C-alpha cells in the first residue's frame, strides 16, 4: 500500500502538505504494525498459555493499528476529494 500511495502522489503531484499528511500517516501505520508484532511476540514468549491479560494487551495493540489505519484511510479520502478534478 505504501508503494501504491507513493505512485498516486507522484501521479497526482499534490501540494507538499498532502505529501506530508499522507506519508506521515503511512509511516505511522507501519510503525504501529511493528510495535504490535513486537508486543505479540514478547507476550507469547513470556506467557505461552492463554491468559486474559495477555489477550487484552494483544487486542488493544491490534486495535491501535486499526484506529491508525482508519485515520490514514480518512486522510486519503480527504485527499482524493480535495484533488478530484471537477
N, C-alpha and C. Protein backbone atom coordinates (compact mmCIF):
# COMPACT_ATOMS: atom_id res chain seq x y z
N UNK A 1 0.83 -1.19 0.00
CA UNK A 1 0.00 0.00 0.00
C UNK A 1 0.87 1.26 0.00
N UNK A 2 1.99 1.20 0.71
CA UNK A 2 2.87 2.37 0.76
C UNK A 2 3.41 2.69 -0.64
N UNK A 3 3.76 1.67 -1.39
CA UNK A 3 4.25 1.89 -2.76
C UNK A 3 3.15 2.44 -3.65
N UNK A 4 1.94 1.93 -3.47
CA UNK A 4 0.81 2.43 -4.26
C UNK A 4 0.53 3.89 -3.91
N UNK A 5 0.60 4.23 -2.62
CA UNK A 5 0.40 5.62 -2.22
C UNK A 5 1.45 6.52 -2.86
N UNK A 6 2.69 6.08 -2.83
CA UNK A 6 3.76 6.87 -3.44
C UNK A 6 3.52 7.07 -4.93
N UNK A 7 3.07 6.03 -5.61
CA UNK A 7 2.77 6.15 -7.04
C UNK A 7 1.63 7.14 -7.28
N UNK A 8 0.61 7.10 -6.44
CA UNK A 8 -0.52 8.04 -6.59
C UNK A 8 -0.06 9.47 -6.35
N UNK A 9 0.78 9.66 -5.34
CA UNK A 9 1.28 11.01 -5.05
C UNK A 9 2.12 11.54 -6.21
N UNK A 10 2.94 10.69 -6.79
CA UNK A 10 3.75 11.12 -7.93
C UNK A 10 2.85 11.44 -9.13
N UNK A 11 1.85 10.61 -9.35
CA UNK A 11 0.93 10.79 -10.48
C UNK A 11 0.10 12.06 -10.33
N UNK A 12 -0.46 12.29 -9.13
CA UNK A 12 -1.35 13.44 -8.92
C UNK A 12 -0.58 14.74 -8.65
N UNK A 13 0.66 14.64 -8.15
CA UNK A 13 1.51 15.79 -7.83
C UNK A 13 0.77 16.85 -7.02
N UNK A 14 0.28 16.47 -5.82
CA UNK A 14 -0.46 17.43 -4.99
C UNK A 14 0.49 18.40 -4.28
N UNK A 15 -0.07 19.41 -3.59
CA UNK A 15 0.76 20.31 -2.79
C UNK A 15 1.52 19.53 -1.71
N UNK A 16 2.61 20.12 -1.25
CA UNK A 16 3.50 19.45 -0.30
C UNK A 16 2.80 19.03 0.99
N UNK A 17 1.78 19.77 1.40
CA UNK A 17 1.09 19.43 2.64
C UNK A 17 0.44 18.05 2.54
N UNK A 18 -0.09 17.68 1.37
CA UNK A 18 -0.69 16.35 1.19
C UNK A 18 0.37 15.27 1.24
N UNK A 19 1.54 15.54 0.67
CA UNK A 19 2.64 14.59 0.77
C UNK A 19 2.96 14.33 2.26
N UNK A 20 3.06 15.41 3.02
CA UNK A 20 3.41 15.28 4.44
C UNK A 20 2.34 14.51 5.21
N UNK A 21 1.09 14.87 5.00
CA UNK A 21 -0.01 14.21 5.73
C UNK A 21 -0.08 12.73 5.39
N UNK A 22 -0.10 12.41 4.11
CA UNK A 22 -0.30 11.03 3.71
C UNK A 22 0.91 10.14 4.01
N UNK A 23 2.10 10.65 3.80
CA UNK A 23 3.29 9.85 4.11
C UNK A 23 3.46 9.67 5.62
N UNK A 24 3.13 10.70 6.40
CA UNK A 24 3.19 10.56 7.85
C UNK A 24 2.20 9.50 8.33
N UNK A 25 0.98 9.53 7.81
CA UNK A 25 0.00 8.51 8.18
C UNK A 25 0.48 7.12 7.77
N UNK A 26 1.07 7.01 6.61
CA UNK A 26 1.57 5.73 6.12
C UNK A 26 2.64 5.18 7.06
N UNK A 27 3.58 6.02 7.43
CA UNK A 27 4.66 5.57 8.32
C UNK A 27 4.16 5.31 9.74
N UNK A 28 3.15 6.03 10.18
CA UNK A 28 2.57 5.75 11.50
C UNK A 28 1.92 4.37 11.53
N UNK A 29 1.20 4.01 10.48
CA UNK A 29 0.58 2.69 10.42
C UNK A 29 1.66 1.61 10.38
N UNK A 30 2.70 1.80 9.59
CA UNK A 30 3.79 0.82 9.53
C UNK A 30 4.48 0.68 10.89
N UNK A 31 4.71 1.79 11.57
CA UNK A 31 5.33 1.74 12.90
C UNK A 31 4.43 1.03 13.90
N UNK A 32 3.14 1.30 13.84
CA UNK A 32 2.20 0.63 14.74
C UNK A 32 2.19 -0.87 14.49
N UNK A 33 2.27 -1.28 13.24
CA UNK A 33 2.34 -2.71 12.92
C UNK A 33 3.59 -3.34 13.53
N UNK A 34 4.70 -2.64 13.45
CA UNK A 34 5.94 -3.16 14.04
C UNK A 34 5.83 -3.26 15.56
N UNK A 35 5.26 -2.24 16.21
CA UNK A 35 5.05 -2.30 17.66
C UNK A 35 4.11 -3.45 18.03
N UNK A 36 3.06 -3.62 17.26
CA UNK A 36 2.10 -4.70 17.50
C UNK A 36 2.79 -6.06 17.41
N UNK A 37 3.58 -6.25 16.37
CA UNK A 37 4.28 -7.52 16.19
C UNK A 37 5.26 -7.76 17.33
N UNK A 38 6.00 -6.74 17.71
CA UNK A 38 6.96 -6.90 18.81
C UNK A 38 6.25 -7.24 20.11
N UNK A 39 5.15 -6.57 20.39
CA UNK A 39 4.40 -6.84 21.62
C UNK A 39 3.85 -8.26 21.61
N UNK A 40 3.27 -8.68 20.49
CA UNK A 40 2.70 -10.03 20.43
C UNK A 40 3.76 -11.10 20.62
N UNK A 41 4.91 -10.94 19.97
CA UNK A 41 5.98 -11.93 20.12
C UNK A 41 6.52 -11.94 21.55
N UNK A 42 6.67 -10.79 22.15
CA UNK A 42 7.15 -10.72 23.53
C UNK A 42 6.16 -11.38 24.48
N UNK A 43 4.88 -11.07 24.33
CA UNK A 43 3.87 -11.66 25.21
C UNK A 43 3.77 -13.16 25.01
N UNK A 44 3.87 -13.63 23.77
CA UNK A 44 3.86 -15.07 23.52
C UNK A 44 5.06 -15.77 24.17
N UNK A 45 6.19 -15.09 24.19
CA UNK A 45 7.39 -15.66 24.81
C UNK A 45 7.25 -15.69 26.33
N UNK A 46 6.73 -14.60 26.90
CA UNK A 46 6.61 -14.52 28.36
C UNK A 46 5.48 -15.37 28.92
N UNK A 47 4.41 -15.51 28.15
CA UNK A 47 3.25 -16.25 28.62
C UNK A 47 2.69 -17.09 27.48
N UNK A 48 3.28 -18.29 27.24
CA UNK A 48 2.83 -19.12 26.12
C UNK A 48 1.36 -19.58 26.26
N UNK A 49 0.89 -19.72 27.49
CA UNK A 49 -0.50 -20.14 27.68
C UNK A 49 -1.43 -18.95 27.53
N UNK A 50 -2.69 -19.24 27.24
CA UNK A 50 -3.68 -18.17 27.07
C UNK A 50 -4.01 -17.57 28.43
N UNK A 51 -3.90 -16.25 28.51
CA UNK A 51 -4.20 -15.53 29.75
C UNK A 51 -5.05 -14.31 29.39
N UNK A 52 -6.07 -14.00 30.19
CA UNK A 52 -6.93 -12.86 29.85
C UNK A 52 -6.19 -11.53 29.71
N UNK A 53 -5.20 -11.30 30.55
CA UNK A 53 -4.45 -10.03 30.46
C UNK A 53 -3.62 -9.95 29.19
N UNK A 54 -3.04 -11.07 28.80
CA UNK A 54 -2.26 -11.11 27.57
C UNK A 54 -3.17 -10.89 26.37
N UNK A 55 -4.34 -11.54 26.40
CA UNK A 55 -5.30 -11.38 25.32
C UNK A 55 -5.74 -9.91 25.20
N UNK A 56 -6.00 -9.27 26.33
CA UNK A 56 -6.40 -7.87 26.31
C UNK A 56 -5.30 -6.98 25.73
N UNK A 57 -4.06 -7.22 26.13
CA UNK A 57 -2.94 -6.43 25.61
C UNK A 57 -2.80 -6.60 24.11
N UNK A 58 -2.93 -7.83 23.64
CA UNK A 58 -2.83 -8.08 22.19
C UNK A 58 -3.99 -7.43 21.44
N UNK A 59 -5.19 -7.53 21.99
CA UNK A 59 -6.36 -6.92 21.35
C UNK A 59 -6.23 -5.40 21.28
N UNK A 60 -5.74 -4.79 22.35
CA UNK A 60 -5.57 -3.33 22.36
C UNK A 60 -4.50 -2.90 21.36
N UNK A 61 -3.45 -3.67 21.26
CA UNK A 61 -2.38 -3.35 20.30
C UNK A 61 -2.90 -3.45 18.87
N UNK A 62 -3.67 -4.48 18.59
CA UNK A 62 -4.25 -4.63 17.25
C UNK A 62 -5.27 -3.53 16.98
N UNK A 63 -6.02 -3.14 18.00
CA UNK A 63 -6.99 -2.06 17.83
C UNK A 63 -6.30 -0.73 17.53
N UNK A 64 -5.14 -0.51 18.13
CA UNK A 64 -4.39 0.72 17.85
C UNK A 64 -3.99 0.78 16.38
N UNK A 65 -3.58 -0.35 15.83
CA UNK A 65 -3.24 -0.41 14.40
C UNK A 65 -4.49 -0.11 13.57
N UNK A 66 -5.61 -0.68 13.97
CA UNK A 66 -6.86 -0.45 13.24
C UNK A 66 -7.26 1.03 13.27
N UNK A 67 -7.15 1.67 14.43
CA UNK A 67 -7.51 3.08 14.55
C UNK A 67 -6.61 3.94 13.66
N UNK A 68 -5.32 3.69 13.69
CA UNK A 68 -4.40 4.45 12.82
C UNK A 68 -4.69 4.18 11.35
N UNK A 69 -5.03 2.95 11.01
CA UNK A 69 -5.35 2.63 9.62
C UNK A 69 -6.61 3.35 9.16
N UNK A 70 -7.60 3.42 10.02
CA UNK A 70 -8.83 4.13 9.66
C UNK A 70 -8.55 5.63 9.49
N UNK A 71 -7.72 6.20 10.35
CA UNK A 71 -7.34 7.60 10.22
C UNK A 71 -6.60 7.86 8.91
N UNK A 72 -5.72 6.93 8.54
CA UNK A 72 -5.00 7.06 7.28
C UNK A 72 -5.96 6.97 6.10
N UNK A 73 -6.93 6.08 6.20
CA UNK A 73 -7.92 5.95 5.13
C UNK A 73 -8.76 7.22 4.99
N UNK A 74 -9.15 7.80 6.11
CA UNK A 74 -9.91 9.05 6.06
C UNK A 74 -9.08 10.19 5.48
N UNK A 75 -7.80 10.23 5.82
CA UNK A 75 -6.91 11.25 5.24
C UNK A 75 -6.80 11.07 3.74
N UNK A 76 -6.70 9.83 3.29
CA UNK A 76 -6.62 9.57 1.85
C UNK A 76 -7.93 9.96 1.17
N UNK A 77 -9.05 9.68 1.82
CA UNK A 77 -10.35 10.07 1.24
C UNK A 77 -10.45 11.59 1.11
N UNK A 78 -9.96 12.31 2.12
CA UNK A 78 -9.96 13.77 2.05
C UNK A 78 -9.06 14.26 0.92
N UNK A 79 -7.93 13.60 0.74
CA UNK A 79 -7.02 13.94 -0.35
C UNK A 79 -7.70 13.75 -1.70
N UNK A 80 -8.33 12.59 -1.89
CA UNK A 80 -9.00 12.31 -3.16
C UNK A 80 -10.11 13.32 -3.41
N UNK A 81 -10.90 13.61 -2.38
CA UNK A 81 -12.00 14.56 -2.53
C UNK A 81 -11.50 15.96 -2.90
N UNK A 82 -10.42 16.40 -2.23
CA UNK A 82 -9.96 17.78 -2.45
C UNK A 82 -9.18 17.94 -3.74
N UNK A 83 -8.65 16.86 -4.28
CA UNK A 83 -7.85 16.98 -5.50
C UNK A 83 -8.56 16.38 -6.72
N UNK A 84 -9.79 15.94 -6.56
CA UNK A 84 -10.52 15.34 -7.68
C UNK A 84 -10.84 16.41 -8.71
N UNK A 85 -10.56 16.15 -9.96
CA UNK A 85 -10.86 17.16 -10.99
C UNK A 85 -12.37 17.36 -11.13
N UNK A 86 -12.76 18.61 -11.25
CA UNK A 86 -14.19 18.94 -11.35
C UNK A 86 -14.63 19.00 -12.78
